[in-house]
């Protein structure tokens, strides 16, 4: 799966466009992702730990290596208030 994803810098994420559709189909996958996100945010805030976030915009699959600073019910917030919608995230690598 990793070879399908193009590495981008976190600053580039702010310029991407995201469709409203979910990339994860099952409720089980979404719950698993939520648990990973909670852990990654805690590690980011406590230890400034970076994670790889695998996601898809309106053009292609991408990956960004960064710290998750905050989490809302619809998105994650990266450094410099960059927003990444939860519905477009495939997985995290912590």
PDB file of N, CA and C in Angstrom:
ATOM      1  N   UNK A   1       0.823  -1.201   0.000  1.00  0.00           N
ATOM      2  CA  UNK A   1       0.000   0.000   0.000  1.00  0.00           C
ATOM      3  C   UNK A   1       0.861   1.255   0.000  1.00  0.00           C
ATOM      4  N   UNK A   2       1.991   1.256   0.689  1.00  0.00           N
ATOM      5  CA  UNK A   2       2.821   2.455   0.831  1.00  0.00           C
ATOM      6  C   UNK A   2       3.359   2.979  -0.499  1.00  0.00           C
ATOM      7  N   UNK A   3       3.648   2.096  -1.434  1.00  0.00           N
ATOM      8  CA  UNK A   3       4.233   2.534  -2.702  1.00  0.00           C
ATOM      9  C   UNK A   3       3.250   3.329  -3.565  1.00  0.00           C
ATOM     10  N   UNK A   4       1.965   3.237  -3.266  1.00  0.00           N
ATOM     11  CA  UNK A   4       0.952   4.001  -4.012  1.00  0.00           C
ATOM     12  C   UNK A   4       0.916   5.471  -3.602  1.00  0.00           C
ATOM     13  N   UNK A   5       1.503   5.794  -2.467  1.00  0.00           N
ATOM     14  CA  UNK A   5       1.374   7.121  -1.867  1.00  0.00           C
ATOM     15  C   UNK A   5       2.583   7.994  -2.168  1.00  0.00           C
ATOM     16  N   UNK A   6       2.311   9.250  -2.531  1.00  0.00           N
ATOM     17  CA  UNK A   6       3.344  10.233  -2.847  1.00  0.00           C
ATOM     18  C   UNK A   6       3.604  11.080  -1.603  1.00  0.00           C
ATOM     19  N   UNK A   7       4.872  11.213  -1.219  1.00  0.00           N
ATOM     20  CA  UNK A   7       5.243  12.011  -0.052  1.00  0.00           C
ATOM     21  C   UNK A   7       5.066  13.499  -0.347  1.00  0.00           C
ATOM     22  N   UNK A   8       4.390  14.216   0.576  1.00  0.00           N
ATOM     23  CA  UNK A   8       4.221  15.667   0.464  1.00  0.00           C
ATOM     24  C   UNK A   8       4.634  16.321   1.776  1.00  0.00           C
ATOM     25  N   UNK A   9       4.999  17.580   1.699  1.00  0.00           N
ATOM     26  CA  UNK A   9       5.319  18.358   2.896  1.00  0.00           C
ATOM     27  C   UNK A   9       4.022  18.850   3.526  1.00  0.00           C
ATOM     28  N   UNK A  10       4.034  19.051   4.829  1.00  0.00           N
ATOM     29  CA  UNK A  10       2.810  19.478   5.525  1.00  0.00           C
ATOM     30  C   UNK A  10       2.275  20.797   4.994  1.00  0.00           C
ATOM     31  N   UNK A  11       3.141  21.685   4.550  1.00  0.00           N
ATOM     32  CA  UNK A  11       2.706  22.970   4.002  1.00  0.00           C
ATOM     33  C   UNK A  11       1.887  22.791   2.717  1.00  0.00           C
ATOM     34  N   UNK A  12       2.172  21.730   1.976  1.00  0.00           N
ATOM     35  CA  UNK A  12       1.437  21.454   0.737  1.00  0.00           C
ATOM     36  C   UNK A  12       0.001  21.011   1.018  1.00  0.00           C
ATOM     37  N   UNK A  13      -0.229  20.372   2.162  1.00  0.00           N
ATOM     38  CA  UNK A  13      -1.558  19.858   2.515  1.00  0.00           C
ATOM     39  C   UNK A  13      -2.580  20.990   2.534  1.00  0.00           C
ATOM     40  N   UNK A  14      -2.178  22.168   2.967  1.00  0.00           N
ATOM     41  CA  UNK A  14      -3.092  23.313   3.039  1.00  0.00           C
ATOM     42  C   UNK A  14      -3.628  23.716   1.663  1.00  0.00           C
ATOM     43  N   UNK A  15      -2.905  23.406   0.615  1.00  0.00           N
ATOM     44  CA  UNK A  15      -3.315  23.797  -0.739  1.00  0.00           C
ATOM     45  C   UNK A  15      -4.117  22.713  -1.468  1.00  0.00           C
ATOM     46  N   UNK A  16      -4.271  21.559  -0.861  1.00  0.00           N
ATOM     47  CA  UNK A  16      -4.974  20.448  -1.520  1.00  0.00           C
ATOM     48  C   UNK A  16      -6.481  20.582  -1.368  1.00  0.00           C
ATOM     49  N   UNK A  17      -7.203  19.948  -2.270  1.00  0.00           N
ATOM     50  CA  UNK A  17      -8.671  19.932  -2.229  1.00  0.00           C
ATOM     51  C   UNK A  17      -9.123  18.526  -1.857  1.00  0.00           C
ATOM     52  N   UNK A  18     -10.158  18.448  -0.991  1.00  0.00           N
ATOM     53  CA  UNK A  18     -10.612  17.158  -0.484  1.00  0.00           C
ATOM     54  C   UNK A  18     -12.094  16.936  -0.764  1.00  0.00           C
ATOM     55  N   UNK A  19     -12.420  15.829  -1.445  1.00  0.00           N
ATOM     56  CA  UNK A  19     -13.829  15.473  -1.658  1.00  0.00           C
ATOM     57  C   UNK A  19     -14.510  15.148  -0.320  1.00  0.00           C
ATOM     58  N   UNK A  20     -15.829  15.116  -0.321  1.00  0.00           N
ATOM     59  CA  UNK A  20     -16.605  14.839   0.892  1.00  0.00           C
ATOM     60  C   UNK A  20     -16.739  13.342   1.193  1.00  0.00           C
ATOM     61  N   UNK A  21     -16.463  12.488   0.212  1.00  0.00           N
ATOM     62  CA  UNK A  21     -16.645  11.049   0.396  1.00  0.00           C
ATOM     63  C   UNK A  21     -15.593  10.444   1.327  1.00  0.00           C
ATOM     64  N   UNK A  22     -15.965   9.335   1.985  1.00  0.00           N
ATOM     65  CA  UNK A  22     -15.051   8.610   2.874  1.00  0.00           C
ATOM     66  C   UNK A  22     -14.154   7.680   2.072  1.00  0.00           C
ATOM     67  N   UNK A  23     -12.880   7.604   2.448  1.00  0.00           N
ATOM     68  CA  UNK A  23     -11.986   6.642   1.802  1.00  0.00           C
ATOM     69  C   UNK A  23     -12.069   5.287   2.504  1.00  0.00           C
ATOM     70  N   UNK A  24     -12.445   5.275   3.781  1.00  0.00           N
ATOM     71  CA  UNK A  24     -12.626   4.019   4.508  1.00  0.00           C
ATOM     72  C   UNK A  24     -14.092   3.620   4.431  1.00  0.00           C
ATOM     73  N   UNK A  25     -14.337   2.380   4.085  1.00  0.00           N
ATOM     74  CA  UNK A  25     -15.711   1.942   3.881  1.00  0.00           C
ATOM     75  C   UNK A  25     -16.362   1.362   5.131  1.00  0.00           C
ATOM     76  N   UNK A  26     -15.621   0.648   5.949  1.00  0.00           N
ATOM     77  CA  UNK A  26     -16.253  -0.042   7.076  1.00  0.00           C
ATOM     78  C   UNK A  26     -16.185   0.775   8.371  1.00  0.00           C
ATOM     79  N   UNK A  27     -17.181   0.583   9.193  1.00  0.00           N
ATOM     80  CA  UNK A  27     -17.228   1.241  10.507  1.00  0.00           C
ATOM     81  C   UNK A  27     -16.064   0.758  11.375  1.00  0.00           C
ATOM     82  N   UNK A  28     -15.704  -0.510  11.241  1.00  0.00           N
ATOM     83  CA  UNK A  28     -14.572  -1.076  11.999  1.00  0.00           C
ATOM     84  C   UNK A  28     -13.278  -0.331  11.661  1.00  0.00           C
ATOM     85  N   UNK A  29     -13.047  -0.085  10.374  1.00  0.00           N
ATOM     86  CA  UNK A  29     -11.841   0.646   9.950  1.00  0.00           C
ATOM     87  C   UNK A  29     -11.842   2.073  10.488  1.00  0.00           C
ATOM     88  N   UNK A  30     -13.002   2.719  10.483  1.00  0.00           N
ATOM     89  CA  UNK A  30     -13.095   4.097  10.986  1.00  0.00           C
ATOM     90  C   UNK A  30     -12.821   4.152  12.495  1.00  0.00           C
ATOM     91  N   UNK A  31     -13.319   3.177  13.242  1.00  0.00           N
ATOM     92  CA  UNK A  31     -13.076   3.127  14.694  1.00  0.00           C
ATOM     93  C   UNK A  31     -11.607   2.859  14.991  1.00  0.00           C
ATOM     94  N   UNK A  32     -11.002   1.988  14.210  1.00  0.00           N
ATOM     95  CA  UNK A  32      -9.582   1.692  14.375  1.00  0.00           C
ATOM     96  C   UNK A  32      -8.738   2.941  14.098  1.00  0.00           C
ATOM     97  N   UNK A  33      -9.088   3.667  13.041  1.00  0.00           N
ATOM     98  CA  UNK A  33      -8.391   4.914  12.717  1.00  0.00           C
ATOM     99  C   UNK A  33      -8.548   5.921  13.849  1.00  0.00           C
ATOM    100  N   UNK A  34      -9.742   6.026  14.422  1.00  0.00           N
ATOM    101  CA  UNK A  34      -9.979   6.981  15.512  1.00  0.00           C
ATOM    102  C   UNK A  34      -9.064   6.679  16.702  1.00  0.00           C
ATOM    103  N   UNK A  35      -8.901   5.403  17.034  1.00  0.00           N
ATOM    104  CA  UNK A  35      -8.011   5.018  18.138  1.00  0.00           C
ATOM    105  C   UNK A  35      -6.566   5.408  17.828  1.00  0.00           C
ATOM    106  N   UNK A  36      -6.138   5.193  16.584  1.00  0.00           N
ATOM    107  CA  UNK A  36      -4.787   5.586  16.168  1.00  0.00           C
ATOM    108  C   UNK A  36      -4.610   7.101  16.247  1.00  0.00           C
ATOM    109  N   UNK A  37      -5.623   7.839  15.832  1.00  0.00           N
ATOM    110  CA  UNK A  37      -5.565   9.305  15.865  1.00  0.00           C
ATOM    111  C   UNK A  37      -5.450   9.825  17.292  1.00  0.00           C
ATOM    112  N   UNK A  38      -6.225   9.251  18.210  1.00  0.00           N
ATOM    113  CA  UNK A  38      -6.152   9.670  19.613  1.00  0.00           C
ATOM    114  C   UNK A  38      -4.755   9.446  20.174  1.00  0.00           C
ATOM    115  N   UNK A  39      -4.185   8.292  19.869  1.00  0.00           N
ATOM    116  CA  UNK A  39      -2.829   7.978  20.346  1.00  0.00           C
ATOM    117  C   UNK A  39      -1.798   8.919  19.717  1.00  0.00           C
ATOM    118  N   UNK A  40      -1.913   9.149  18.417  1.00  0.00           N
ATOM    119  CA  UNK A  40      -0.963  10.020  17.713  1.00  0.00           C
ATOM    120  C   UNK A  40      -1.026  11.455  18.224  1.00  0.00           C
ATOM    121  N   UNK A  41      -2.236  11.934  18.533  1.00  0.00           N
ATOM    122  CA  UNK A  41      -2.358  13.297  19.057  1.00  0.00           C
ATOM    123  C   UNK A  41      -1.708  13.396  20.433  1.00  0.00           C
ATOM    124  N   UNK A  42      -1.917  12.409  21.271  1.00  0.00           N
ATOM    125  CA  UNK A  42      -1.294  12.410  22.591  1.00  0.00           C
ATOM    126  C   UNK A  42       0.230  12.403  22.470  1.00  0.00           C
ATOM    127  N   UNK A  43       0.747  11.574  21.593  1.00  0.00           N
ATOM    128  CA  UNK A  43       2.201  11.528  21.385  1.00  0.00           C
ATOM    129  C   UNK A  43       2.720  12.843  20.806  1.00  0.00           C
ATOM    130  N   UNK A  44       1.956  13.450  19.935  1.00  0.00           N
ATOM    131  CA  UNK A  44       2.363  14.720  19.344  1.00  0.00           C
ATOM    132  C   UNK A  44       2.426  15.836  20.370  1.00  0.00           C
ATOM    133  N   UNK A  45       1.428  15.875  21.246  1.00  0.00           N
ATOM    134  CA  UNK A  45       1.387  16.942  22.246  1.00  0.00           C
ATOM    135  C   UNK A  45       2.378  16.718  23.378  1.00  0.00           C
ATOM    136  N   UNK A  46       2.579  15.476  23.767  1.00  0.00           N
ATOM    137  CA  UNK A  46       3.474  15.189  24.891  1.00  0.00           C
ATOM    138  C   UNK A  46       4.942  15.129  24.484  1.00  0.00           C
ATOM    139  N   UNK A  47       5.209  14.521  23.332  1.00  0.00           N
ATOM    140  CA  UNK A  47       6.593  14.255  22.951  1.00  0.00           C
ATOM    141  C   UNK A  47       6.981  14.845  21.595  1.00  0.00           C
ATOM    142  N   UNK A  48       6.082  15.598  20.962  1.00  0.00           N
ATOM    143  CA  UNK A  48       6.320  16.150  19.620  1.00  0.00           C
ATOM    144  C   UNK A  48       6.678  15.052  18.630  1.00  0.00           C
ATOM    145  N   UNK A  49       6.047  13.886  18.822  1.00  0.00           N
ATOM    146  CA  UNK A  49       6.283  12.702  17.999  1.00  0.00           C
ATOM    147  C   UNK A  49       5.598  12.860  16.639  1.00  0.00           C
ATOM    148  N   UNK A  50       6.344  12.619  15.571  1.00  0.00           N
ATOM    149  CA  UNK A  50       5.777  12.711  14.219  1.00  0.00           C
ATOM    150  C   UNK A  50       5.222  11.359  13.786  1.00  0.00           C
ATOM    151  N   UNK A  51       4.173  11.402  12.974  1.00  0.00           N
ATOM    152  CA  UNK A  51       3.562  10.199  12.419  1.00  0.00           C
ATOM    153  C   UNK A  51       3.436  10.368  10.910  1.00  0.00           C
ATOM    154  N   UNK A  52       3.295   9.246  10.220  1.00  0.00           N
ATOM    155  CA  UNK A  52       2.997   9.286   8.788  1.00  0.00           C
ATOM    156  C   UNK A  52       1.493   9.153   8.648  1.00  0.00           C
ATOM    157  N   UNK A  53       0.902  10.077   7.912  1.00  0.00           N
ATOM    158  CA  UNK A  53      -0.542  10.078   7.679  1.00  0.00           C
ATOM    159  C   UNK A  53      -0.764   9.776   6.200  1.00  0.00           C
ATOM    160  N   UNK A  54      -1.446   8.675   5.937  1.00  0.00           N
ATOM    161  CA  UNK A  54      -1.751   8.241   4.571  1.00  0.00           C
ATOM    162  C   UNK A  54      -3.162   8.708   4.232  1.00  0.00           C
ATOM    163  N   UNK A  55      -3.294   9.507   3.176  1.00  0.00           N
ATOM    164  CA  UNK A  55      -4.587  10.106   2.852  1.00  0.00           C
ATOM    165  C   UNK A  55      -4.733  10.266   1.336  1.00  0.00           C
ATOM    166  N   UNK A  56      -5.905  10.728   0.931  1.00  0.00           N
ATOM    167  CA  UNK A  56      -6.166  10.945  -0.499  1.00  0.00           C
ATOM    168  C   UNK A  56      -6.881  12.279  -0.683  1.00  0.00           C
ATOM    169  N   UNK A  57      -6.377  13.083  -1.613  1.00  0.00           N
ATOM    170  CA  UNK A  57      -7.055  14.334  -1.950  1.00  0.00           C
ATOM    171  C   UNK A  57      -7.917  14.081  -3.192  1.00  0.00           C
ATOM    172  N   UNK A  58      -8.216  15.120  -3.943  1.00  0.00           N
ATOM    173  CA  UNK A  58      -9.066  14.940  -5.132  1.00  0.00           C
ATOM    174  C   UNK A  58      -8.301  14.410  -6.347  1.00  0.00           C
ATOM    175  N   UNK A  59      -6.967  14.264  -6.212  1.00  0.00           N
ATOM    176  CA  UNK A  59      -6.165  13.824  -7.350  1.00  0.00           C
ATOM    177  C   UNK A  59      -5.449  12.496  -7.136  1.00  0.00           C
ATOM    178  N   UNK A  60      -4.837  12.311  -5.955  1.00  0.00           N
ATOM    179  CA  UNK A  60      -4.035  11.096  -5.741  1.00  0.00           C
ATOM    180  C   UNK A  60      -3.858  10.775  -4.268  1.00  0.00           C
ATOM    181  N   UNK A  61      -3.269   9.618  -4.024  1.00  0.00           N
ATOM    182  CA  UNK A  61      -2.960   9.185  -2.659  1.00  0.00           C
ATOM    183  C   UNK A  61      -1.635   9.807  -2.249  1.00  0.00           C
ATOM    184  N   UNK A  62      -1.599  10.279  -1.000  1.00  0.00           N
ATOM    185  CA  UNK A  62      -0.416  10.994  -0.518  1.00  0.00           C
ATOM    186  C   UNK A  62      -0.093  10.550   0.899  1.00  0.00           C
ATOM    187  N   UNK A  63       1.117  10.886   1.344  1.00  0.00           N
ATOM    188  CA  UNK A  63       1.533  10.642   2.724  1.00  0.00           C
ATOM    189  C   UNK A  63       2.304  11.868   3.198  1.00  0.00           C
ATOM    190  N   UNK A  64       2.071  12.241   4.454  1.00  0.00           N
ATOM    191  CA  UNK A  64       2.785  13.361   5.056  1.00  0.00           C
ATOM    192  C   UNK A  64       3.349  12.896   6.394  1.00  0.00           C
ATOM    193  N   UNK A  65       4.562  13.326   6.715  1.00  0.00           N
ATOM    194  CA  UNK A  65       5.227  12.972   7.971  1.00  0.00           C
ATOM    195  C   UNK A  65       5.238  14.215   8.851  1.00  0.00           C
ATOM    196  N   UNK A  66       4.410  14.213   9.884  1.00  0.00           N
ATOM    197  CA  UNK A  66       4.223  15.418  10.684  1.00  0.00           C
ATOM    198  C   UNK A  66       3.660  15.090  12.066  1.00  0.00           C
ATOM    199  N   UNK A  67       3.465  16.106  12.865  1.00  0.00           N
ATOM    200  CA  UNK A  67       2.888  15.978  14.198  1.00  0.00           C
ATOM    201  C   UNK A  67       1.417  16.369  14.162  1.00  0.00           C
ATOM    202  N   UNK A  68       0.576  15.584  14.845  1.00  0.00           N
ATOM    203  CA  UNK A  68      -0.836  15.921  14.977  1.00  0.00           C
ATOM    204  C   UNK A  68      -0.996  16.728  16.261  1.00  0.00           C
ATOM    205  N   UNK A  69      -1.475  17.971  16.140  1.00  0.00           N
ATOM    206  CA  UNK A  69      -1.597  18.849  17.297  1.00  0.00           C
ATOM    207  C   UNK A  69      -2.981  18.825  17.917  1.00  0.00           C
ATOM    208  N   UNK A  70      -4.009  18.641  17.101  1.00  0.00           N
ATOM    209  CA  UNK A  70      -5.380  18.640  17.623  1.00  0.00           C
ATOM    210  C   UNK A  70      -6.251  17.755  16.757  1.00  0.00           C
ATOM    211  N   UNK A  71      -7.393  17.396  17.332  1.00  0.00           N
ATOM    212  CA  UNK A  71      -8.325  16.499  16.676  1.00  0.00           C
ATOM    213  C   UNK A  71      -9.733  17.022  16.914  1.00  0.00           C
ATOM    214  N   UNK A  72     -10.518  17.143  15.839  1.00  0.00           N
ATOM    215  CA  UNK A  72     -11.928  17.510  15.967  1.00  0.00           C
ATOM    216  C   UNK A  72     -12.753  16.308  15.512  1.00  0.00           C
ATOM    217  N   UNK A  73     -14.048  16.445  15.514  1.00  0.00           N
ATOM    218  CA  UNK A  73     -14.888  15.329  15.055  1.00  0.00           C
ATOM    219  C   UNK A  73     -14.827  15.145  13.539  1.00  0.00           C
ATOM    220  N   UNK A  74     -14.289  16.126  12.809  1.00  0.00           N
ATOM    221  CA  UNK A  74     -14.247  16.045  11.341  1.00  0.00           C
ATOM    222  C   UNK A  74     -12.845  16.147  10.733  1.00  0.00           C
ATOM    223  N   UNK A  75     -11.842  16.552  11.530  1.00  0.00           N
ATOM    224  CA  UNK A  75     -10.517  16.793  10.946  1.00  0.00           C
ATOM    225  C   UNK A  75      -9.413  16.688  11.989  1.00  0.00           C
ATOM    226  N   UNK A  76      -8.182  16.600  11.478  1.00  0.00           N
ATOM    227  CA  UNK A  76      -7.029  16.733  12.344  1.00  0.00           C
ATOM    228  C   UNK A  76      -6.379  18.071  12.032  1.00  0.00           C
ATOM    229  N   UNK A  77      -5.714  18.622  13.035  1.00  0.00           N
ATOM    230  CA  UNK A  77      -5.031  19.900  12.878  1.00  0.00           C
ATOM    231  C   UNK A  77      -3.537  19.643  13.025  1.00  0.00           C
ATOM    232  N   UNK A  78      -2.797  20.052  12.012  1.00  0.00           N
ATOM    233  CA  UNK A  78      -1.348  19.925  12.010  1.00  0.00           C
ATOM    234  C   UNK A  78      -0.747  21.264  12.411  1.00  0.00           C
ATOM    235  N   UNK A  79       0.553  21.324  12.480  1.00  0.00           N
ATOM    236  CA  UNK A  79       1.242  22.570  12.789  1.00  0.00           C
ATOM    237  C   UNK A  79       0.831  23.665  11.811  1.00  0.00           C
ATOM    238  N   UNK A  80       0.843  24.898  12.247  1.00  0.00           N
ATOM    239  CA  UNK A  80       0.465  26.068  11.444  1.00  0.00           C
ATOM    240  C   UNK A  80      -0.992  26.003  11.008  1.00  0.00           C
ATOM    241  N   UNK A  81      -1.830  25.358  11.815  1.00  0.00           N
ATOM    242  CA  UNK A  81      -3.281  25.259  11.586  1.00  0.00           C
ATOM    243  C   UNK A  81      -3.661  24.627  10.247  1.00  0.00           C
ATOM    244  N   UNK A  82      -2.845  23.733   9.753  1.00  0.00           N
ATOM    245  CA  UNK A  82      -3.165  22.994   8.526  1.00  0.00           C
ATOM    246  C   UNK A  82      -4.213  21.936   8.885  1.00  0.00           C
ATOM    247  N   UNK A  83      -5.288  21.884   8.120  1.00  0.00           N
ATOM    248  CA  UNK A  83      -6.420  20.985   8.387  1.00  0.00           C
ATOM    249  C   UNK A  83      -6.426  19.830   7.379  1.00  0.00           C
ATOM    250  N   UNK A  84      -6.638  18.619   7.896  1.00  0.00           N
ATOM    251  CA  UNK A  84      -6.762  17.434   7.052  1.00  0.00           C
ATOM    252  C   UNK A  84      -8.037  16.698   7.463  1.00  0.00           C
ATOM    253  N   UNK A  85      -9.019  16.590   6.558  1.00  0.00           N
ATOM    254  CA  UNK A  85     -10.298  15.945   6.896  1.00  0.00           C
ATOM    255  C   UNK A  85     -10.129  14.462   7.256  1.00  0.00           C
ATOM    256  N   UNK A  86     -10.791  14.027   8.324  1.00  0.00           N
ATOM    257  CA  UNK A  86     -10.718  12.633   8.760  1.00  0.00           C
ATOM    258  C   UNK A  86     -11.223  11.662   7.697  1.00  0.00           C
ATOM    259  N   UNK A  87     -12.242  12.068   6.958  1.00  0.00           N
ATOM    260  CA  UNK A  87     -12.842  11.163   5.979  1.00  0.00           C
ATOM    261  C   UNK A  87     -11.914  10.838   4.802  1.00  0.00           C
ATOM    262  N   UNK A  88     -10.776  11.499   4.706  1.00  0.00           N
ATOM    263  CA  UNK A  88      -9.843  11.271   3.603  1.00  0.00           C
ATOM    264  C   UNK A  88      -8.581  10.513   4.053  1.00  0.00           C
ATOM    265  N   UNK A  89      -8.523  10.105   5.322  1.00  0.00           N
ATOM    266  CA  UNK A  89      -7.342   9.421   5.869  1.00  0.00           C
ATOM    267  C   UNK A  89      -7.536   7.909   5.811  1.00  0.00           C
ATOM    268  N   UNK A  90      -6.523   7.217   5.278  1.00  0.00           N
ATOM    269  CA  UNK A  90      -6.536   5.755   5.219  1.00  0.00           C
ATOM    270  C   UNK A  90      -5.992   5.137   6.506  1.00  0.00           C
ATOM    271  N   UNK A  91      -4.822   5.628   6.917  1.00  0.00           N
ATOM    272  CA  UNK A  91      -4.169   5.023   8.088  1.00  0.00           C
ATOM    273  C   UNK A  91      -3.070   5.948   8.593  1.00  0.00           C
ATOM    274  N   UNK A  92      -2.575   5.600   9.769  1.00  0.00           N
ATOM    275  CA  UNK A  92      -1.424   6.286  10.354  1.00  0.00           C
ATOM    276  C   UNK A  92      -0.319   5.278  10.559  1.00  0.00           C
ATOM    277  N   UNK A  93       0.900   5.762  10.560  1.00  0.00           N
ATOM    278  CA  UNK A  93       2.054   4.941  10.923  1.00  0.00           C
ATOM    279  C   UNK A  93       2.723   5.672  12.070  1.00  0.00           C
ATOM    280  N   UNK A  94       2.571   5.124  13.258  1.00  0.00           N
ATOM    281  CA  UNK A  94       3.070   5.799  14.462  1.00  0.00           C
ATOM    282  C   UNK A  94       4.466   5.318  14.795  1.00  0.00           C
TER     283      UNK A  94
END
